[in-house]
Each structure stands twice: as structure tokens, then as C-alpha cells.
Amino acid sequence: MKKGYTALAAGLALAMCASMGACGSSSKSSDTNAADGVYYLNNKPEIANSIQDLAKAYTKETGAPITVQTAASGTYQQSLKSELAKSAPPTLFQVQGPVVLNTWKAYAAEMSDTEIYKQLKDQSAVLRSQDGKQVLAVPVVTETYGLIYRKDLLQKYFDMPGASIKSVKGIKDFKTLKTVADEIQANKDKIGVKGAFTSMGFDSSTTWRWNIHLSNIPLAYEFEKDNITKQPETIKGTYLPQLKQITDLYLKDSTTATSELSGKTMNDAVDDLTAGDAVFFQNGSWSWPDLVQGGMKADQIGAIPIYTGIDGESDHGMATGSETFWCINKKASPKAQKATKDFLKWLITSDTGRKTWSKTMGFTTQFKTFTGKYDSGNPIMKASDAYAKAGKKNVAWDFVYIPSEEWKTDMSNALLEYSQGTSSWDKVKTAYVDNWAKEYQTAAAKQ
């Protein structure tokens, strides 16, 4: 899944580690590690440093060599293709949902004998072969996204004389969200902020918040309405008017002029929130480590769903699911495959692995082994859980069915042009609906 990025991690390229011994805790070369041990190609730049520390800890505790490389933002598929073609390919890699798995299924080993499959709370969450007989990919984490907010700043609005909404519970649909955002923007000097929303930039480090996460909201409701459970050849764009409503609200009630959005990064958005310049930040549970690095504490942060004006949205909670799945490379040597399974077992059963995954990285998982002191304490996940406990239905992660990277790029370009006033909303509609059909057919022709 695309995620938030720390300043150090954002620019990490696949070749970031000139010495592979420095990437893990082995002095062996990457070729030796891949042949005899674990070579993990990581797709999460926000954990690049933490995963290196974890690799060192693993080798220290077990003596087993491990190599970890992290692909730069937006380059994972290209990096994976390149690395899998090498003589010493990754033994452990990640896919983003069933569509991407279909691309790499020839490399995906059967995983029903792994500890990470056996320890899943819900084994139906895995990705299987088309005949359903083989487990090919296991979810890495459970994640959620919505509108993260600063409790102290939102409370300043609630306490303001004349505020129309007086509590977070009062924000329950697009109408009430817009009321709050508009009133914060109108009184930003009194509240002490630069805008209701952090910047929604179009730099590569952040544009996925538009073309994947925000675009998923109308997609998920359309799939729910039409009972779509697998990748469709075409989509209708039923709720594009509601996508326009939230887009317009983001652009109007922002810390940033629309003319500056093309160059705004994820770090800029994180800084908006941590510096107290904005109240709301569209992002997910993966951004918690970045917020901690920015000085935030769990009791300062809350999260609400992204409301767009779709009928029934008050009955839904946050967008929660799993996008990233682990695959073991079946073309790696049997010894390397076993070493990879051993590493994954250590990750979800050892004290060091579980502490790092849940506390340092802030991840919530679907594994039975992450209970008690191994609960992440992530306030964004806690917010999602609270909505679920209140009977609200999660918004599905149907962006995993997006047919291609080109579809995402076209959506970003269309939304940027719309935001800057150089094209109309019709171009967004074309990118959303027409390009889906085109990219589906292009992908099908390659099969």
C-alpha cells in the first residue's frame, strides 16, 4: 500500500544499500544471502530504517543472514520486475491485492504450511490461486484511513462562540464535515491555523492520496451498491459528483493555494498537522510513526471517516482493510524458501519481532500472536475499531481492483489539472470511467 514517508525514507531508492551487509546484519553479498538466506524486497518506504534495524536484530538472535532493500516511492513494481529477473532474486516480496498478484503469480509459492498463515485470525483474508486450492499471499497488516485530526485544534473550533458543531460525534456526514471545515477556514486566525485541511499535494510521495485512497471512496460505495465482488471490466462512476464535492472542499479549505499543490509533498502535509497549521489530514494508520516523529502523542490524535455526501455514509466507518500481501518466491532455492518461512515465523512470534512491528512501526496485524503488550496502541486504528464497535460498516478497500498504474497516473493528472483550473471535471470523469475500461482491456490482452 502506498504510505506516508519520513524525510529520511522518502528518497530511498532500491540501490540505497551499497553494502548488502549493512542492509541486514550479514557480511555476505546479496547473491549469497539470496541463495542461502532471506532477501526481502520491501515496498513500504516509511519503515525503511526500522526494517533494517529489524533485520540486524534477526541475525543477531538467530545467526541467519538477511538482506532487505526498499524501493523508492512509486517504483516498487518496476523494482520487483527488475529484481525477480536477477540470478539472486528476492525470496520475500509483496503484492498489492489480487490484480497485482495475477501479474506475479508465477513466482508465488504455496504458503499454507507457513506459520503466518496458521496464525491468521481470519484465513479467508489470504489471496488464493484461481482454483482456490493454493494460498499464494498472506496479508501483512490491517490498516485504515480517513481524516486524521488534531484533538486540541478541533476542540478550539468546538469552543468557539457560534460554532455550529460542538463535538466530534456531530461530524457524521458530508454536510456536517463541510460545515466544520468552512467555519474553521473562516475563523482560521482565531483558531490559530492556516487551514482546515493539510495540503493535498500531487508530488509522487503523496499523489496516491488522490488517485488511490480518495478515489476508492466512490468506488467502494458503487461496488457495494452493485454487489461487485471481483474486478469488473467497467465501472459507472455513480458517485463521481460526491468525489467532486470532497475534492472542492479540500481545495477550498486548505493550508495551501491550489497553484502550489503540484509540488507539495507528504512531508509538507505531515508538517501542516504536527506544526498545528491544519486540523484535518487525510491519511491512514501507517502515518502514525511519522506523527510520533513530529512530536504527536496518542491522546492528541483522532480520526473520522472521509465523508463525501453519498447516501448511507453515516452508517459507515473508516476505510479499513489489507492491501499489501507477502509472497514467498517459489523460484528461490528450497533452502532460501525455508529460511524465508523461518524469518516470517520469527517476526510474528518473537518478542523482538512483535515489539518492532507493533510498537516501532505501529502496525496492527491479523495474527493471533499480536495481543496484550503487542497491541500497537495506534490511535488511528483505535478510531476505526471504535466505529466498528458502534455498528458502522467499514468502507472496503476496492482500490485493489484498479486495473493499472496508468489509470492512477491519469487520475492524478486529471485531478491536478482540475485543481489548477486548466481542465474541467469532465476530464476527471473520463479518467475515472473510460480509462478503467481501456486499462482493463489492455491488461487482459497481456494475459
Protein backbone atom coordinates (compact mmCIF):
# COMPACT_ATOMS: atom_id res chain seq x y z
CA MET A 1 0.00 0.00 0.00
CA LYS A 2 1.18 3.49 -0.62
CA LYS A 3 2.03 5.15 2.66
CA GLY A 4 3.32 8.24 4.40
CA TYR A 5 7.00 8.92 4.35
CA THR A 6 9.53 10.30 6.80
CA ALA A 7 12.08 12.73 5.47
CA LEU A 8 14.79 10.07 5.60
CA ALA A 9 12.72 7.37 3.96
CA ALA A 10 11.08 9.33 1.17
CA GLY A 11 14.08 9.38 -1.10
CA LEU A 12 15.27 5.83 -0.57
CA ALA A 13 15.98 4.11 -3.85
CA LEU A 14 16.25 0.43 -4.49
CA ALA A 15 20.03 0.73 -4.58
CA MET A 16 20.17 2.60 -1.29
CA CYS A 17 22.42 -0.05 0.26
CA ALA A 18 25.74 -0.20 -1.49
CA SER A 19 26.83 -2.79 1.05
CA MET A 20 24.31 -5.55 1.49
CA GLY A 21 25.93 -6.47 4.78
CA ALA A 22 24.83 -3.07 6.05
CA CYS A 23 21.25 -3.75 5.00
CA GLY A 24 20.97 -6.86 7.06
CA SER A 25 23.40 -8.00 9.66
CA SER A 26 25.40 -10.31 7.47
CA SER A 27 28.66 -9.54 5.78
CA LYS A 28 27.75 -11.83 2.89
CA SER A 29 26.94 -10.47 -0.54
CA SER A 30 23.38 -10.09 -1.76
CA ASP A 31 23.88 -13.08 -4.09
CA THR A 32 24.91 -15.29 -1.18
CA ASN A 33 22.09 -14.05 1.01
CA ALA A 34 19.51 -14.69 -1.68
CA ALA A 35 20.87 -18.17 -2.31
CA ASP A 36 21.25 -19.24 1.31
CA GLY A 37 19.00 -16.94 3.31
CA VAL A 38 16.37 -14.24 3.06
CA TYR A 39 16.25 -11.39 0.57
CA TYR A 40 13.26 -9.17 1.38
CA LEU A 41 12.21 -6.54 -1.16
CA ASN A 42 10.17 -4.11 0.95
CA ASN A 43 7.51 -1.84 -0.54
CA LYS A 44 6.99 0.42 2.48
CA PRO A 45 9.42 3.37 2.41
CA GLU A 46 8.09 4.65 5.72
CA ILE A 47 9.62 1.65 7.52
CA ALA A 48 12.87 1.54 5.56
CA ASN A 49 15.06 2.37 8.55
CA SER A 50 13.07 0.28 11.03
CA ILE A 51 13.14 -2.79 8.79
CA GLN A 52 16.93 -2.54 8.56
CA ASP A 53 17.15 -2.49 12.36
CA LEU A 54 14.79 -5.47 12.48
CA ALA A 55 16.99 -7.39 10.03
CA LYS A 56 20.04 -6.78 12.18
CA ALA A 57 18.17 -7.95 15.27
CA TYR A 58 17.06 -11.10 13.48
CA THR A 59 20.59 -12.05 12.51
CA LYS A 60 21.86 -11.24 15.99
CA GLU A 61 19.26 -13.50 17.59
CA THR A 62 19.30 -16.37 15.08
CA GLY A 63 22.59 -16.14 13.21
CA ALA A 64 20.67 -16.33 9.93
CA PRO A 65 21.63 -13.90 7.15
CA ILE A 66 19.03 -11.50 5.75
CA THR A 67 19.12 -8.79 3.12
CA VAL A 68 16.50 -6.05 2.96
CA GLN A 69 16.09 -3.49 0.21
CA THR A 70 13.42 -0.81 0.00
CA ALA A 71 12.11 0.53 -3.29
CA ALA A 72 11.64 4.26 -3.69
CA SER A 73 8.16 5.75 -3.68
CA GLY A 74 6.18 4.74 -6.75
CA THR A 75 8.84 2.35 -8.09
CA TYR A 76 8.02 -0.96 -6.42
CA GLN A 77 6.54 -2.76 -9.44
CA GLN A 78 9.42 -1.67 -11.64
CA SER A 79 11.94 -2.68 -8.95
CA LEU A 80 10.26 -6.04 -8.38
CA LYS A 81 10.30 -6.83 -12.09
CA SER A 82 13.99 -5.98 -12.27
CA GLU A 83 14.97 -7.88 -9.12
CA LEU A 84 13.00 -11.02 -9.95
CA ALA A 85 14.86 -11.27 -13.24
CA LYS A 86 18.24 -11.45 -11.49
CA SER A 87 20.16 -14.60 -10.64
CA ALA A 88 19.68 -13.90 -6.92
CA PRO A 89 16.06 -12.63 -6.76
CA PRO A 90 14.05 -11.65 -3.68
CA THR A 91 12.86 -14.59 -1.62
CA LEU A 92 10.17 -12.46 0.00
CA PHE A 93 8.19 -9.78 -1.82
CA GLN A 94 4.86 -8.01 -1.61
CA VAL A 95 1.83 -7.64 -3.88
CA GLN A 96 -0.93 -5.10 -3.64
CA GLY A 97 -4.09 -7.15 -3.91
CA PRO A 98 -5.42 -9.74 -6.37
CA VAL A 99 -4.80 -7.72 -9.53
CA VAL A 100 -1.08 -7.35 -8.82
CA LEU A 101 -0.84 -10.96 -7.63
CA ASN A 102 -2.08 -12.02 -11.04
CA THR A 103 0.99 -10.34 -12.53
CA TRP A 104 3.43 -12.22 -10.29
CA LYS A 105 1.55 -15.47 -9.66
CA ALA A 106 4.25 -17.48 -11.43
CA TYR A 107 6.61 -16.54 -8.58
CA ALA A 108 4.21 -17.11 -5.68
CA ALA A 109 4.85 -20.24 -3.62
CA GLU A 110 2.11 -22.12 -1.80
CA MET A 111 2.01 -20.81 1.80
CA SER A 112 -0.47 -22.99 3.70
CA ASP A 113 2.41 -24.59 5.63
CA THR A 114 3.73 -21.26 6.94
CA GLU A 115 3.28 -20.00 10.47
CA ILE A 116 1.94 -16.67 9.21
CA TYR A 117 -0.93 -18.50 7.53
CA LYS A 118 -1.60 -20.77 10.51
CA GLN A 119 -1.67 -17.80 12.92
CA LEU A 120 -4.16 -15.70 10.93
CA LYS A 121 -7.33 -14.83 12.82
CA ASP A 122 -9.25 -14.93 9.54
CA GLN A 123 -7.73 -17.23 6.95
CA SER A 124 -10.24 -16.07 4.35
CA ALA A 125 -8.23 -12.85 4.12
CA VAL A 126 -5.48 -14.55 2.08
CA LEU A 127 -5.15 -14.43 -1.69
CA ARG A 128 -5.51 -17.80 -3.36
CA SER A 129 -4.90 -19.35 -6.74
CA GLN A 130 -7.78 -19.14 -9.21
CA ASP A 131 -8.95 -22.64 -8.33
CA GLY A 132 -8.86 -21.71 -4.63
CA LYS A 133 -6.61 -24.63 -3.72
CA GLN A 134 -3.37 -22.77 -3.02
CA VAL A 135 -2.58 -19.96 -0.56
CA LEU A 136 -0.36 -17.61 -2.56
CA ALA A 137 -0.26 -14.45 -0.45
CA VAL A 138 -0.83 -13.59 3.22
CA PRO A 139 -1.84 -10.09 4.45
CA VAL A 140 0.98 -8.13 6.04
CA VAL A 141 -1.08 -5.78 8.20
CA THR A 142 -4.60 -4.48 8.76
CA GLU A 143 -4.76 -0.77 8.02
CA THR A 144 -7.27 2.04 7.94
CA TYR A 145 -7.52 5.54 6.58
CA GLY A 146 -9.74 8.56 6.90
CA LEU A 147 -9.44 12.12 8.18
CA ILE A 148 -6.90 12.26 10.99
CA TYR A 149 -7.37 15.29 13.21
CA ARG A 150 -5.66 17.21 15.98
CA LYS A 151 -7.93 16.96 19.02
CA ASP A 152 -6.69 20.21 20.54
CA LEU A 153 -7.25 22.23 17.38
CA LEU A 154 -10.66 20.75 16.69
CA GLN A 155 -11.63 21.49 20.30
CA LYS A 156 -10.69 25.14 19.74
CA TYR A 157 -13.27 25.18 16.97
CA PHE A 158 -15.91 23.46 19.13
CA ASP A 159 -15.32 26.00 21.91
CA MET A 160 -15.57 28.94 19.54
CA PRO A 161 -18.68 31.12 20.00
CA GLY A 162 -21.04 30.48 17.11
CA ALA A 163 -19.60 27.10 16.14
CA SER A 164 -22.38 25.08 14.51
CA ILE A 165 -20.98 21.71 15.60
CA LYS A 166 -19.94 21.13 19.21
CA SER A 167 -18.38 17.64 19.24
CA VAL A 168 -16.74 15.03 17.04
CA LYS A 169 -19.93 12.98 17.22
CA GLY A 170 -21.64 15.83 15.42
CA ILE A 171 -19.49 15.21 12.33
CA LYS A 172 -21.43 12.35 10.80
CA ASP A 173 -21.79 13.11 7.08
CA PHE A 174 -20.54 15.44 4.37
CA LYS A 175 -22.90 18.24 5.32
CA THR A 176 -21.57 18.41 8.88
CA LEU A 177 -17.95 17.92 7.77
CA LYS A 178 -18.29 20.81 5.31
CA THR A 179 -19.87 22.98 7.98
CA VAL A 180 -16.96 22.37 10.33
CA ALA A 181 -14.30 22.83 7.65
CA ASP A 182 -15.86 26.02 6.27
CA GLU A 183 -16.20 27.54 9.74
CA ILE A 184 -12.61 26.63 10.64
CA GLN A 185 -11.40 28.21 7.40
CA ALA A 186 -13.43 31.35 8.02
CA ASN A 187 -12.00 31.63 11.55
CA LYS A 188 -8.52 30.28 10.96
CA ASP A 189 -6.79 33.28 12.52
CA LYS A 190 -8.87 32.98 15.69
CA ILE A 191 -8.19 29.26 15.94
CA GLY A 192 -4.53 29.72 15.06
CA VAL A 193 -4.30 27.58 11.92
CA LYS A 194 -3.61 28.15 8.24
CA GLY A 195 -6.46 25.98 7.03
CA ALA A 196 -8.90 23.23 7.91
CA PHE A 197 -7.08 20.62 5.79
CA THR A 198 -3.40 19.92 5.29
CA SER A 199 -2.11 20.27 1.74
CA MET A 200 -3.22 17.53 -0.68
CA GLY A 201 -0.19 17.65 -2.93
CA PHE A 202 0.47 15.99 -6.26
CA ASP A 203 4.12 15.16 -5.70
CA SER A 204 4.81 11.44 -6.18
CA SER A 205 5.19 10.98 -2.42
CA THR A 206 1.57 11.96 -1.84
CA THR A 207 -0.48 11.83 -5.04
CA TRP A 208 -1.73 8.33 -4.10
CA ARG A 209 -3.94 10.02 -1.51
CA TRP A 210 -5.90 11.30 -4.51
CA ASN A 211 -5.73 8.53 -7.10
CA ILE A 212 -5.97 5.54 -4.75
CA HIS A 213 -7.44 6.45 -1.38
CA LEU A 214 -9.84 9.27 -2.18
CA SER A 215 -10.83 7.67 -5.48
CA ASN A 216 -11.64 4.50 -3.57
CA ILE A 217 -14.47 6.10 -1.60
CA PRO A 218 -16.93 6.42 -4.53
CA LEU A 219 -15.61 3.14 -5.96
CA ALA A 220 -16.31 1.21 -2.74
CA TYR A 221 -19.84 2.55 -2.46
CA GLU A 222 -20.50 1.75 -6.14
CA PHE A 223 -19.24 -1.81 -5.67
CA GLU A 224 -21.38 -2.18 -2.54
CA LYS A 225 -24.48 -0.85 -4.30
CA ASP A 226 -23.99 -3.09 -7.34
CA ASN A 227 -22.81 -6.16 -5.38
CA ILE A 228 -19.48 -6.27 -7.21
CA THR A 229 -17.08 -8.75 -5.61
CA LYS A 230 -14.36 -9.11 -8.24
CA GLN A 231 -12.59 -6.83 -10.68
CA PRO A 232 -15.15 -5.50 -13.18
CA GLU A 233 -14.45 -4.76 -16.82
CA THR A 234 -16.16 -1.39 -16.49
CA ILE A 235 -17.33 1.00 -13.79
CA LYS A 236 -20.12 3.58 -13.88
CA GLY A 237 -18.76 6.43 -11.80
CA THR A 238 -22.05 6.51 -9.89
CA TYR A 239 -20.66 8.67 -7.10
CA LEU A 240 -18.35 10.97 -9.04
CA PRO A 241 -20.47 14.01 -8.07
CA GLN A 242 -19.68 13.22 -4.43
CA LEU A 243 -15.98 12.84 -5.25
CA LYS A 244 -16.15 16.33 -6.72
CA GLN A 245 -17.75 17.66 -3.52
CA ILE A 246 -14.93 16.45 -1.27
CA THR A 247 -12.30 17.50 -3.81
CA ASP A 248 -13.69 21.02 -3.89
CA LEU A 249 -13.78 21.14 -0.09
CA TYR A 250 -10.15 20.03 0.18
CA LEU A 251 -9.07 22.66 -2.33
CA LYS A 252 -11.05 25.50 -0.78
CA ASP A 253 -10.41 24.90 2.93
CA SER A 254 -6.71 24.15 2.73
CA THR A 255 -3.45 25.49 4.12
CA THR A 256 -2.20 25.69 0.54
CA ALA A 257 -3.13 27.63 -2.57
CA THR A 258 -4.14 25.38 -5.48
CA SER A 259 -1.31 26.88 -7.57
CA GLU A 260 1.21 25.32 -5.17
CA LEU A 261 -0.21 21.80 -4.97
CA SER A 262 1.79 20.27 -7.82
CA GLY A 263 4.99 20.42 -5.77
CA LYS A 264 3.63 19.72 -2.31
CA THR A 265 4.97 16.54 -0.69
CA MET A 266 3.84 14.15 2.01
CA ASN A 267 6.32 15.76 4.39
CA ASP A 268 4.60 19.11 3.80
CA ALA A 269 1.25 17.60 4.76
CA VAL A 270 2.67 15.91 7.86
CA ASP A 271 4.30 19.19 8.88
CA ASP A 272 0.99 21.02 8.46
CA LEU A 273 -0.56 18.79 11.10
CA THR A 274 2.34 18.42 13.53
CA ALA A 275 3.09 22.15 13.45
CA GLY A 276 -0.54 22.94 14.23
CA ASP A 277 -1.23 24.65 10.91
CA ALA A 278 -4.16 22.38 9.99
CA VAL A 279 -6.87 20.44 11.78
CA PHE A 280 -7.54 17.57 9.34
CA PHE A 281 -5.10 15.31 7.46
CA GLN A 282 -6.30 12.68 5.00
CA ASN A 283 -4.10 9.67 5.67
CA GLY A 284 -4.01 6.33 7.42
CA SER A 285 -2.75 4.25 10.29
CA TRP A 286 0.65 3.82 8.62
CA SER A 287 1.33 7.53 9.16
CA TRP A 288 1.38 7.14 12.95
CA PRO A 289 5.20 6.74 13.17
CA ASP A 290 5.61 9.96 11.16
CA LEU A 291 3.27 11.79 13.52
CA VAL A 292 5.16 10.46 16.54
CA GLN A 293 8.39 11.66 14.97
CA GLY A 294 6.70 15.05 14.59
CA GLY A 295 6.00 15.17 18.33
CA MET A 296 2.44 13.86 18.44
CA LYS A 297 1.16 11.65 21.26
CA ALA A 298 -1.69 9.16 21.01
CA ASP A 299 -4.07 11.25 23.10
CA GLN A 300 -3.65 14.19 20.71
CA ILE A 301 -4.83 12.36 17.62
CA GLY A 302 -8.25 11.17 16.44
CA ALA A 303 -9.72 10.09 13.12
CA ILE A 304 -13.09 10.16 11.36
CA PRO A 305 -14.33 8.72 8.04
CA ILE A 306 -13.95 10.59 4.78
CA TYR A 307 -17.47 11.85 4.11
CA THR A 308 -18.39 12.82 0.54
CA GLY A 309 -22.18 13.07 0.55
CA ILE A 310 -23.08 9.53 -0.54
CA ASP A 311 -26.39 8.22 0.78
CA GLY A 312 -25.83 5.89 3.71
CA GLU A 313 -22.37 7.18 4.59
CA SER A 314 -23.43 7.86 8.18
CA ASP A 315 -23.83 4.10 8.59
CA HIS A 316 -20.22 3.51 7.57
CA GLY A 317 -16.96 3.89 9.43
CA MET A 318 -13.46 4.28 8.12
CA ALA A 319 -11.86 2.63 5.09
CA THR A 320 -10.25 -0.47 6.58
CA GLY A 321 -8.59 -3.48 5.01
CA SER A 322 -5.42 -5.11 3.75
CA GLU A 323 -3.71 -4.14 0.55
CA THR A 324 -0.20 -5.47 0.99
CA PHE A 325 0.39 -9.23 1.00
CA TRP A 326 3.55 -11.27 1.47
CA CYS A 327 4.60 -13.76 -1.18
CA ILE A 328 7.46 -16.25 -0.99
CA ASN A 329 9.33 -16.68 -4.25
CA LYS A 330 8.82 -20.26 -5.40
CA LYS A 331 11.70 -19.87 -7.84
CA ALA A 332 14.12 -19.33 -4.97
CA SER A 333 16.04 -22.36 -3.76
CA PRO A 334 14.29 -24.69 -1.29
CA LYS A 335 16.83 -23.64 1.34
CA ALA A 336 16.05 -19.96 0.75
CA GLN A 337 12.32 -20.59 0.87
CA LYS A 338 12.66 -22.37 4.21
CA ALA A 339 14.83 -19.54 5.55
CA THR A 340 12.18 -17.05 4.48
CA LYS A 341 9.43 -19.00 6.24
CA ASP A 342 11.60 -19.11 9.36
CA PHE A 343 12.06 -15.34 9.26
CA LEU A 344 8.33 -14.73 8.97
CA LYS A 345 7.67 -17.10 11.86
CA TRP A 346 10.20 -15.20 13.98
CA LEU A 347 8.62 -11.90 13.00
CA ILE A 348 5.17 -12.83 14.35
CA THR A 349 6.22 -14.96 17.34
CA SER A 350 9.43 -13.49 18.78
CA ASP A 351 9.42 -10.72 21.35
CA THR A 352 11.73 -8.54 19.22
CA GLY A 353 9.77 -9.07 16.02
CA ARG A 354 6.39 -8.36 17.56
CA LYS A 355 7.58 -5.32 19.51
CA THR A 356 9.19 -3.79 16.45
CA TRP A 357 6.25 -4.50 14.17
CA SER A 358 3.57 -3.25 16.56
CA LYS A 359 5.31 -0.52 18.55
CA THR A 360 8.15 0.91 16.46
CA MET A 361 6.30 0.59 13.16
CA GLY A 362 2.83 0.98 14.65
CA PHE A 363 1.24 -1.82 12.65
CA THR A 364 -1.93 -3.69 13.52
CA THR A 365 -1.95 -7.25 12.19
CA GLN A 366 -4.38 -10.10 11.65
CA PHE A 367 -2.20 -12.57 13.55
CA LYS A 368 -3.30 -14.26 16.78
CA THR A 369 0.14 -13.60 18.28
CA PHE A 370 -0.33 -9.82 18.48
CA THR A 371 -2.33 -9.38 21.68
CA GLY A 372 -1.78 -7.74 25.05
CA LYS A 373 1.53 -5.91 25.16
CA TYR A 374 1.91 -6.39 21.40
CA ASP A 375 -1.12 -4.24 20.61
CA SER A 376 0.14 -1.31 18.56
CA GLY A 377 -1.71 1.39 20.50
CA ASN A 378 -2.11 3.19 17.16
CA PRO A 379 -4.82 5.86 17.73
CA ILE A 380 -5.88 5.82 14.08
CA MET A 381 -6.59 2.09 14.21
CA LYS A 382 -8.31 2.63 17.56
CA ALA A 383 -10.64 5.13 15.90
CA SER A 384 -11.52 2.61 13.19
CA ASP A 385 -12.18 -0.03 15.84
CA ALA A 386 -14.48 2.36 17.70
CA TYR A 387 -16.62 2.92 14.59
CA ALA A 388 -16.82 -0.84 14.02
CA LYS A 389 -17.84 -1.47 17.64
CA ALA A 390 -20.56 1.16 17.22
CA GLY A 391 -22.01 -0.91 14.39
CA LYS A 392 -20.61 1.09 11.50
CA LYS A 393 -19.60 -0.85 8.39
CA ASN A 394 -16.04 -0.48 7.15
CA VAL A 395 -15.61 1.14 3.74
CA ALA A 396 -13.98 -1.58 1.61
CA TRP A 397 -10.56 -1.33 0.03
CA ASP A 398 -11.77 -1.83 -3.51
CA PHE A 399 -8.87 0.16 -4.95
CA VAL A 400 -7.07 -3.20 -5.04
CA TYR A 401 -9.07 -3.79 -8.24
CA ILE A 402 -7.70 -0.71 -10.03
CA PRO A 403 -6.62 -2.13 -13.40
CA SER A 404 -3.23 -0.43 -13.84
CA GLU A 405 -0.73 2.15 -12.71
CA GLU A 406 -1.62 4.12 -15.83
CA TRP A 407 -5.18 4.52 -14.53
CA LYS A 408 -3.80 6.04 -11.33
CA THR A 409 -1.48 8.36 -13.23
CA ASP A 410 -4.29 9.58 -15.47
CA MET A 411 -6.50 10.22 -12.44
CA SER A 412 -3.76 12.23 -10.75
CA ASN A 413 -3.14 14.30 -13.85
CA ALA A 414 -6.84 14.98 -14.37
CA LEU A 415 -7.35 15.98 -10.73
CA LEU A 416 -4.29 18.23 -10.78
CA GLU A 417 -5.50 19.99 -13.91
CA TYR A 418 -8.95 20.38 -12.38
CA SER A 419 -7.49 21.79 -9.16
CA GLN A 420 -5.47 24.33 -11.10
CA GLY A 421 -8.40 25.32 -13.29
CA THR A 422 -6.82 24.17 -16.55
CA SER A 423 -9.44 21.49 -17.28
CA SER A 424 -12.99 20.65 -16.28
CA TRP A 425 -14.38 17.88 -14.09
CA ASP A 426 -15.33 16.05 -17.29
CA LYS A 427 -11.67 15.09 -17.73
CA VAL A 428 -11.72 13.51 -14.25
CA LYS A 429 -14.82 11.56 -15.23
CA THR A 430 -13.09 10.35 -18.40
CA ALA A 431 -10.01 9.29 -16.44
CA TYR A 432 -12.13 7.51 -13.85
CA VAL A 433 -14.68 5.70 -16.02
CA ASP A 434 -13.41 5.47 -19.59
CA ASN A 435 -9.81 4.75 -18.67
CA TRP A 436 -10.90 1.92 -16.38
CA ALA A 437 -12.41 0.07 -19.35
CA LYS A 438 -9.41 0.85 -21.53
CA GLU A 439 -6.84 -0.26 -18.95
CA TYR A 440 -8.81 -3.39 -18.11
CA GLN A 441 -8.76 -4.43 -21.75
CA THR A 442 -5.06 -3.60 -22.05
CA ALA A 443 -4.25 -5.73 -19.03
CA ALA A 444 -6.45 -8.58 -20.28
CA ALA A 445 -4.66 -8.57 -23.64
CA LYS A 446 -1.34 -9.15 -21.85
CA GLN A 447 -2.56 -12.24 -20.02
